[in-house]
Amino acid sequence: MEPKDSTRNEAFKGFTNDACPFMPCHQGVKREFNCLFCYCPLIAYECPGPYRVITDRHGMRRKDCSPCNLPHNGYLQSWSFIQKWLERPVLWDGHEQTRYQVDLPEDAEPRRGGPQGETD
């Protein structure tokens, strides 16, 4: 049993830092703004969020997740979204985002079997 499974208090699933000088850092958030995932734990993994690929000054391809609001859109929704994608993490291989088109965390279900959507 995980400690989070032993409580009914779900306050650990999110918070809003109204004093943050960068608030609001993402546009289009329709629910309470969740600052818990300020730095998204999916940055190195496949994810459905809208991202661009940039090449840094050292030639490394990186995800620019600036347009993504999935980890911020609602305390419970964004917590569930991140947890689902971390259950079966697939390392991001540097490709452009072409597979997923989602707007809300409810639509962001990970595909079973990896990025091509193969089923078990």
C-alpha atoms as a PDB file:
ATOM      1  CA  MET A   1       0.000   0.000   0.000  1.00  0.00           C
ATOM      2  CA  GLU A   2       1.260   3.446  -0.905  1.00  0.00           C
ATOM      3  CA  PRO A   3       0.942   6.282   1.655  1.00  0.00           C
ATOM      4  CA  LYS A   4      -1.322   8.134  -0.794  1.00  0.00           C
ATOM      5  CA  ASP A   5      -3.732   5.160  -0.660  1.00  0.00           C
ATOM      6  CA  SER A   6      -4.176   5.495   3.103  1.00  0.00           C
ATOM      7  CA  THR A   7      -5.785   8.941   3.152  1.00  0.00           C
ATOM      8  CA  ARG A   8      -8.992  10.496   1.918  1.00  0.00           C
ATOM      9  CA  ASN A   9      -7.382  13.919   1.876  1.00  0.00           C
ATOM     10  CA  GLU A  10      -6.349  14.542  -1.742  1.00  0.00           C
ATOM     11  CA  ALA A  11      -4.566  17.837  -1.130  1.00  0.00           C
ATOM     12  CA  PHE A  12      -1.277  16.243  -2.249  1.00  0.00           C
ATOM     13  CA  LYS A  13      -2.616  16.099  -5.814  1.00  0.00           C
ATOM     14  CA  GLY A  14      -2.176  19.784  -6.472  1.00  0.00           C
ATOM     15  CA  PHE A  15      -1.912  23.385  -5.412  1.00  0.00           C
ATOM     16  CA  THR A  16      -1.923  26.830  -6.982  1.00  0.00           C
ATOM     17  CA  ASN A  17       0.892  29.257  -6.258  1.00  0.00           C
ATOM     18  CA  ASP A  18      -0.810  32.612  -6.807  1.00  0.00           C
ATOM     19  CA  ALA A  19       2.376  34.408  -5.703  1.00  0.00           C
ATOM     20  CA  CYS A  20       4.446  32.919  -8.548  1.00  0.00           C
ATOM     21  CA  PRO A  21       5.869  35.727 -10.724  1.00  0.00           C
ATOM     22  CA  PHE A  22       5.273  33.607 -13.846  1.00  0.00           C
ATOM     23  CA  MET A  23       1.573  32.950 -13.147  1.00  0.00           C
ATOM     24  CA  PRO A  24      -0.199  32.192 -15.432  1.00  0.00           C
ATOM     25  CA  CYS A  25       2.560  30.382 -17.295  1.00  0.00           C
ATOM     26  CA  HIS A  26       0.177  28.421 -19.558  1.00  0.00           C
ATOM     27  CA  GLN A  27      -2.922  29.703 -21.338  1.00  0.00           C
ATOM     28  CA  GLY A  28      -6.170  27.772 -21.722  1.00  0.00           C
ATOM     29  CA  VAL A  29      -6.365  26.159 -18.271  1.00  0.00           C
ATOM     30  CA  LYS A  30     -10.095  25.810 -17.541  1.00  0.00           C
ATOM     31  CA  ARG A  31      -9.949  24.238 -14.054  1.00  0.00           C
ATOM     32  CA  GLU A  32      -7.975  25.121 -10.931  1.00  0.00           C
ATOM     33  CA  PHE A  33      -4.393  25.775 -12.001  1.00  0.00           C
ATOM     34  CA  ASN A  34      -2.148  22.965 -10.718  1.00  0.00           C
ATOM     35  CA  CYS A  35       1.413  24.093  -9.985  1.00  0.00           C
ATOM     36  CA  LEU A  36       2.477  20.681  -8.634  1.00  0.00           C
ATOM     37  CA  PHE A  37       3.872  19.675 -12.020  1.00  0.00           C
ATOM     38  CA  CYS A  38       5.562  22.979 -12.787  1.00  0.00           C
ATOM     39  CA  TYR A  39       8.329  20.895 -14.325  1.00  0.00           C
ATOM     40  CA  CYS A  40       6.519  18.054 -16.014  1.00  0.00           C
ATOM     41  CA  PRO A  41       7.789  14.585 -15.102  1.00  0.00           C
ATOM     42  CA  LEU A  42       6.976  13.464 -18.670  1.00  0.00           C
ATOM     43  CA  ILE A  43       9.625  15.636 -20.318  1.00  0.00           C
ATOM     44  CA  ALA A  44      11.804  12.601 -21.126  1.00  0.00           C
ATOM     45  CA  TYR A  45       8.910  10.292 -22.052  1.00  0.00           C
ATOM     46  CA  GLU A  46       6.307   9.807 -24.748  1.00  0.00           C
ATOM     47  CA  CYS A  47       3.249  11.876 -23.957  1.00  0.00           C
ATOM     48  CA  PRO A  48       0.136  13.195 -25.680  1.00  0.00           C
ATOM     49  CA  GLY A  49       0.796  16.827 -24.882  1.00  0.00           C
ATOM     50  CA  PRO A  50       1.359  19.316 -27.650  1.00  0.00           C
ATOM     51  CA  TYR A  51       5.084  19.936 -27.924  1.00  0.00           C
ATOM     52  CA  ARG A  52       7.582  21.193 -30.442  1.00  0.00           C
ATOM     53  CA  VAL A  53      11.044  19.804 -30.977  1.00  0.00           C
ATOM     54  CA  ILE A  54      13.926  22.230 -30.776  1.00  0.00           C
ATOM     55  CA  THR A  55      17.630  21.672 -31.324  1.00  0.00           C
ATOM     56  CA  ASP A  56      19.792  23.341 -28.695  1.00  0.00           C
ATOM     57  CA  ARG A  57      23.177  24.958 -29.339  1.00  0.00           C
ATOM     58  CA  HIS A  58      24.899  21.622 -28.728  1.00  0.00           C
ATOM     59  CA  GLY A  59      22.826  19.825 -31.373  1.00  0.00           C
ATOM     60  CA  MET A  60      20.625  17.995 -28.829  1.00  0.00           C
ATOM     61  CA  ARG A  61      16.953  17.587 -29.768  1.00  0.00           C
ATOM     62  CA  ARG A  62      14.674  18.607 -26.905  1.00  0.00           C
ATOM     63  CA  LYS A  63      10.961  18.872 -26.238  1.00  0.00           C
ATOM     64  CA  ASP A  64       9.547  22.375 -25.867  1.00  0.00           C
ATOM     65  CA  CYS A  65       6.332  21.803 -23.927  1.00  0.00           C
ATOM     66  CA  SER A  66       5.428  25.484 -23.596  1.00  0.00           C
ATOM     67  CA  PRO A  67       2.055  25.102 -25.355  1.00  0.00           C
ATOM     68  CA  CYS A  68       0.976  22.157 -23.134  1.00  0.00           C
ATOM     69  CA  ASN A  69      -1.415  22.714 -20.239  1.00  0.00           C
ATOM     70  CA  LEU A  70      -2.268  19.054 -19.478  1.00  0.00           C
ATOM     71  CA  PRO A  71      -0.223  18.841 -16.224  1.00  0.00           C
ATOM     72  CA  HIS A  72      -1.817  22.081 -14.996  1.00  0.00           C
ATOM     73  CA  ASN A  73      -5.511  21.716 -15.859  1.00  0.00           C
ATOM     74  CA  GLY A  74      -7.202  20.785 -12.577  1.00  0.00           C
ATOM     75  CA  TYR A  75      -5.780  19.170  -9.453  1.00  0.00           C
ATOM     76  CA  LEU A  76      -7.414  15.750  -9.761  1.00  0.00           C
ATOM     77  CA  GLN A  77      -7.384  15.636 -13.566  1.00  0.00           C
ATOM     78  CA  SER A  78      -3.721  16.509 -13.940  1.00  0.00           C
ATOM     79  CA  TRP A  79      -2.705  14.143 -11.123  1.00  0.00           C
ATOM     80  CA  SER A  80      -4.570  11.292 -12.824  1.00  0.00           C
ATOM     81  CA  PHE A  81      -3.112  12.199 -16.211  1.00  0.00           C
ATOM     82  CA  ILE A  82       0.495  12.134 -14.954  1.00  0.00           C
ATOM     83  CA  GLN A  83      -0.025   8.935 -12.956  1.00  0.00           C
ATOM     84  CA  LYS A  84      -1.498   7.101 -15.974  1.00  0.00           C
ATOM     85  CA  TRP A  85       1.402   8.050 -18.228  1.00  0.00           C
ATOM     86  CA  LEU A  86       4.016   7.147 -15.616  1.00  0.00           C
ATOM     87  CA  GLU A  87       2.519   3.666 -15.139  1.00  0.00           C
ATOM     88  CA  ARG A  88       3.976   2.590 -18.492  1.00  0.00           C
ATOM     89  CA  PRO A  89       6.669   5.127 -19.379  1.00  0.00           C
ATOM     90  CA  VAL A  90       8.197   4.968 -22.838  1.00  0.00           C
ATOM     91  CA  LEU A  91      11.340   7.012 -23.405  1.00  0.00           C
ATOM     92  CA  TRP A  92      10.956   9.799 -25.940  1.00  0.00           C
ATOM     93  CA  ASP A  93      13.173   9.161 -28.972  1.00  0.00           C
ATOM     94  CA  GLY A  94      13.439  12.727 -30.285  1.00  0.00           C
ATOM     95  CA  HIS A  95      10.654  12.577 -32.880  1.00  0.00           C
ATOM     96  CA  GLU A  96       8.237  15.371 -33.693  1.00  0.00           C
ATOM     97  CA  GLN A  97       4.774  15.197 -32.102  1.00  0.00           C
ATOM     98  CA  THR A  98       2.457  13.581 -34.654  1.00  0.00           C
ATOM     99  CA  ARG A  99       0.541  10.827 -32.853  1.00  0.00           C
ATOM    100  CA  TYR A 100      -1.736  12.495 -30.339  1.00  0.00           C
ATOM    101  CA  GLN A 101      -4.283  15.253 -30.534  1.00  0.00           C
ATOM    102  CA  VAL A 102      -5.807  16.005 -27.125  1.00  0.00           C
ATOM    103  CA  ASP A 103      -7.147  19.042 -25.332  1.00  0.00           C
ATOM    104  CA  LEU A 104      -8.066  17.770 -21.874  1.00  0.00           C
ATOM    105  CA  PRO A 105      -6.520  15.236 -19.480  1.00  0.00           C
ATOM    106  CA  GLU A 106      -9.581  12.951 -19.745  1.00  0.00           C
ATOM    107  CA  ASP A 107      -8.724  12.434 -23.412  1.00  0.00           C
ATOM    108  CA  ALA A 108      -5.080  11.706 -22.670  1.00  0.00           C
ATOM    109  CA  GLU A 109      -5.138   7.943 -22.240  1.00  0.00           C
ATOM    110  CA  PRO A 110      -1.808   6.217 -22.813  1.00  0.00           C
ATOM    111  CA  ARG A 111      -1.827   3.698 -25.613  1.00  0.00           C
ATOM    112  CA  ARG A 112      -1.073   0.170 -24.470  1.00  0.00           C
ATOM    113  CA  GLY A 113       2.113  -1.353 -25.770  1.00  0.00           C
ATOM    114  CA  GLY A 114       4.070   1.815 -26.427  1.00  0.00           C
ATOM    115  CA  PRO A 115       4.060   4.715 -28.833  1.00  0.00           C
ATOM    116  CA  GLN A 116       2.764   2.833 -31.882  1.00  0.00           C
ATOM    117  CA  GLY A 117      -0.328   1.680 -29.996  1.00  0.00           C
ATOM    118  CA  GLU A 118       0.296  -2.045 -30.158  1.00  0.00           C
ATOM    119  CA  THR A 119      -1.929  -3.947 -27.751  1.00  0.00           C
ATOM    120  CA  ASP A 120      -0.860  -6.692 -25.388  1.00  0.00           C
END
